[in-house]
Amino acid sequence: EKSCDACTRGNTGPAVVFCCTCHHLLCKPCHDYHKRNKVLCHHQIVGLDKESLKLLPSLMETNECLCSQPWHEKEELKFFCETCQLLTCRDCTLILHKYHRIVDMCNIAKVHRNAMEEVLVCAQEVTSKLKSTIDTWNDKMAEQVESSRENATLIITQASEQLHQTI
């Protein structure tokens, strides 16, 4: 059970919906607030049941480069609010994120790109080591299978010869 991402109450409740605009899981009280708030009421909300979650990919494909706030929906997202972990437009930066830590989207993209490249290099190294280990293990297993086959053939041949001698 996931907890609410947006909850400012001391004890976060279980999430009941996902906001595709904010990219946050919301508990019932936060969902209710989202519906009542002028700024947030136009956000795309999806339930957490399996049927609703099937809609999530198509809802997430909406043009995320433009602001979804009702008073300026076509404003381009150019900044990143580190406080909220959201992309914002110029207007929202000044209005909704006034005292938050704001950085230029290009700068934060470079930082994240570099971090992802480092992770990718590490993943490639681990993958290479795993492939090598698997190849070594496969070779050893093939040797053991061949050895077991040879032993089984020898035992069968000896048993066959012994049976012929007995007959």
Protein backbone atom coordinates (compact mmCIF):
# COMPACT_ATOMS: atom_id res chain seq x y z
CA GLU A 1 0.00 0.00 0.00
CA LYS A 2 1.49 3.32 -1.13
CA SER A 3 1.28 6.45 1.00
CA CYS A 4 0.34 9.96 -0.05
CA ASP A 5 3.14 12.00 -1.69
CA ALA A 6 1.50 15.38 -1.14
CA CYS A 7 0.32 15.01 2.45
CA THR A 8 1.38 17.74 4.85
CA ARG A 9 -0.45 16.12 7.76
CA GLY A 10 1.84 14.43 10.27
CA ASN A 11 0.61 10.97 9.42
CA THR A 12 0.35 10.32 5.70
CA GLY A 13 -2.66 8.29 4.68
CA PRO A 14 -2.86 5.56 2.07
CA ALA A 15 -2.93 6.78 -1.52
CA VAL A 16 -6.26 6.37 -3.34
CA VAL A 17 -5.54 8.23 -6.62
CA PHE A 18 -2.66 9.38 -8.82
CA CYS A 19 -2.45 12.93 -10.22
CA CYS A 20 -1.00 12.72 -13.75
CA THR A 21 -0.29 16.45 -13.73
CA CYS A 22 1.57 16.62 -10.40
CA HIS A 23 2.87 13.05 -10.66
CA HIS A 24 1.88 12.45 -7.02
CA LEU A 25 -0.04 9.75 -5.23
CA LEU A 26 -2.83 11.34 -3.17
CA CYS A 27 -4.76 10.21 -0.09
CA LYS A 28 -8.52 10.90 0.20
CA PRO A 29 -8.19 14.30 1.99
CA CYS A 30 -5.51 15.51 -0.46
CA HIS A 31 -7.60 14.27 -3.40
CA ASP A 32 -10.60 16.20 -2.04
CA TYR A 33 -8.44 19.32 -1.68
CA HIS A 34 -7.17 18.83 -5.24
CA LYS A 35 -10.79 18.80 -6.51
CA ARG A 36 -11.75 21.94 -4.53
CA ASN A 37 -8.67 24.07 -5.26
CA LYS A 38 -8.99 26.46 -8.25
CA VAL A 39 -5.40 25.87 -9.31
CA LEU A 40 -5.47 22.07 -8.99
CA CYS A 41 -9.03 21.15 -9.96
CA HIS A 42 -8.18 20.78 -13.67
CA HIS A 43 -5.48 18.16 -13.07
CA GLN A 44 -5.85 14.67 -14.54
CA ILE A 45 -6.65 12.24 -11.69
CA VAL A 46 -6.62 8.44 -12.04
CA GLY A 47 -7.82 5.87 -9.50
CA LEU A 48 -5.41 3.18 -8.35
CA ASP A 49 -7.62 0.26 -9.41
CA LYS A 50 -6.34 -1.93 -12.26
CA GLU A 51 -8.87 -0.64 -14.82
CA SER A 52 -8.02 3.02 -14.16
CA LEU A 53 -4.29 2.36 -14.20
CA LYS A 54 -4.64 1.00 -17.75
CA LEU A 55 -5.47 4.60 -18.80
CA LEU A 56 -2.32 5.97 -17.20
CA PRO A 57 0.07 5.62 -20.19
CA SER A 58 -2.25 7.52 -22.53
CA LEU A 59 -2.87 10.24 -19.93
CA MET A 60 0.86 10.61 -19.31
CA GLU A 61 1.45 11.07 -23.06
CA THR A 62 -0.30 14.43 -23.05
CA ASN A 63 1.98 17.32 -23.94
CA GLU A 64 4.00 17.69 -20.76
CA CYS A 65 6.06 20.58 -22.17
CA LEU A 66 3.18 22.99 -21.67
CA CYS A 67 1.73 24.18 -18.38
CA SER A 68 -1.64 22.74 -17.42
CA GLN A 69 -2.77 25.59 -15.17
CA PRO A 70 -6.15 26.93 -16.35
CA TRP A 71 -5.10 30.59 -16.50
CA HIS A 72 -2.26 29.90 -18.98
CA GLU A 73 -2.38 26.34 -20.23
CA LYS A 74 -0.11 26.96 -23.21
CA GLU A 75 2.83 28.40 -21.24
CA GLU A 76 6.06 26.45 -21.90
CA LEU A 77 7.67 24.59 -18.98
CA LYS A 78 11.21 25.96 -18.67
CA PHE A 79 12.09 25.63 -15.00
CA PHE A 80 12.36 22.90 -12.39
CA CYS A 81 11.16 23.41 -8.82
CA GLU A 82 13.53 21.36 -6.68
CA THR A 83 11.26 21.88 -3.69
CA CYS A 84 8.23 20.26 -5.40
CA GLN A 85 10.18 18.13 -7.90
CA LEU A 86 8.08 19.54 -10.76
CA LEU A 87 8.67 21.29 -14.07
CA THR A 88 7.15 24.77 -14.02
CA CYS A 89 6.53 27.63 -16.40
CA ARG A 90 7.70 31.20 -15.81
CA ASP A 91 4.33 32.35 -14.46
CA CYS A 92 3.94 29.43 -12.03
CA THR A 93 7.51 29.95 -10.85
CA LEU A 94 6.55 33.48 -9.82
CA ILE A 95 3.10 32.65 -8.45
CA LEU A 96 2.95 29.09 -7.11
CA HIS A 97 6.63 28.44 -6.43
CA LYS A 98 7.65 31.92 -5.27
CA TYR A 99 9.86 30.92 -2.33
CA HIS A 100 10.95 27.53 -3.69
CA ARG A 101 14.33 26.48 -5.04
CA ILE A 102 14.01 26.95 -8.83
CA VAL A 103 16.61 25.94 -11.42
CA ASP A 104 16.70 26.17 -15.20
CA MET A 105 15.37 22.99 -16.79
CA CYS A 106 18.44 22.66 -19.07
CA ASN A 107 20.81 22.74 -16.09
CA ILE A 108 18.91 20.12 -14.13
CA ALA A 109 18.61 18.00 -17.28
CA LYS A 110 22.42 18.05 -17.68
CA VAL A 111 22.91 17.01 -14.06
CA HIS A 112 20.43 14.15 -14.38
CA ARG A 113 21.83 13.11 -17.78
CA ASN A 114 25.34 12.89 -16.32
CA ALA A 115 24.08 10.89 -13.35
CA MET A 116 22.18 8.54 -15.66
CA GLU A 117 25.28 8.08 -17.85
CA GLU A 118 27.30 7.11 -14.76
CA VAL A 119 24.64 4.61 -13.73
CA LEU A 120 24.56 3.24 -17.28
CA VAL A 121 28.34 2.70 -17.28
CA CYS A 122 28.11 0.87 -13.94
CA ALA A 123 25.21 -1.22 -15.23
CA GLN A 124 27.18 -2.14 -18.36
CA GLU A 125 30.17 -3.20 -16.23
CA VAL A 126 27.95 -5.36 -14.02
CA THR A 127 26.24 -6.83 -17.09
CA SER A 128 29.61 -7.69 -18.61
CA LYS A 129 30.75 -9.40 -15.39
CA LEU A 130 27.48 -11.30 -15.14
CA LYS A 131 27.73 -12.51 -18.73
CA SER A 132 31.28 -13.67 -18.09
CA THR A 133 30.20 -15.50 -14.93
CA ILE A 134 27.28 -17.11 -16.76
CA ASP A 135 29.56 -18.21 -19.63
CA THR A 136 32.04 -19.74 -17.14
CA TRP A 137 29.20 -21.47 -15.30
CA ASN A 138 27.76 -22.79 -18.58
CA ASP A 139 31.18 -24.16 -19.59
CA LYS A 140 31.58 -25.91 -16.22
CA MET A 141 28.06 -27.30 -16.42
CA ALA A 142 28.72 -28.58 -19.97
CA GLU A 143 31.92 -30.28 -18.73
CA GLN A 144 30.01 -31.87 -15.83
CA VAL A 145 27.23 -33.06 -18.14
CA GLU A 146 29.79 -34.55 -20.55
CA SER A 147 31.64 -36.23 -17.69
CA SER A 148 28.37 -37.62 -16.29
CA ARG A 149 27.39 -38.83 -19.76
CA GLU A 150 30.74 -40.58 -20.17
CA ASN A 151 30.41 -42.19 -16.70
CA ALA A 152 26.86 -43.29 -17.44
CA THR A 153 27.94 -44.75 -20.79
CA LEU A 154 30.81 -46.62 -19.09
CA ILE A 155 28.51 -48.01 -16.37
CA ILE A 156 25.92 -49.10 -18.95
CA THR A 157 28.64 -50.68 -21.11
CA GLN A 158 30.08 -52.55 -18.11
CA ALA A 159 26.62 -53.67 -16.99
CA SER A 160 25.84 -54.79 -20.53
CA GLU A 161 29.08 -56.78 -20.76
CA GLN A 162 28.45 -58.34 -17.35
CA LEU A 163 24.90 -59.24 -18.39
CA HIS A 164 26.24 -60.86 -21.62
CA GLN A 165 28.76 -62.85 -19.60
CA THR A 166 26.08 -63.99 -17.22
CA ILE A 167 23.84 -65.15 -20.05
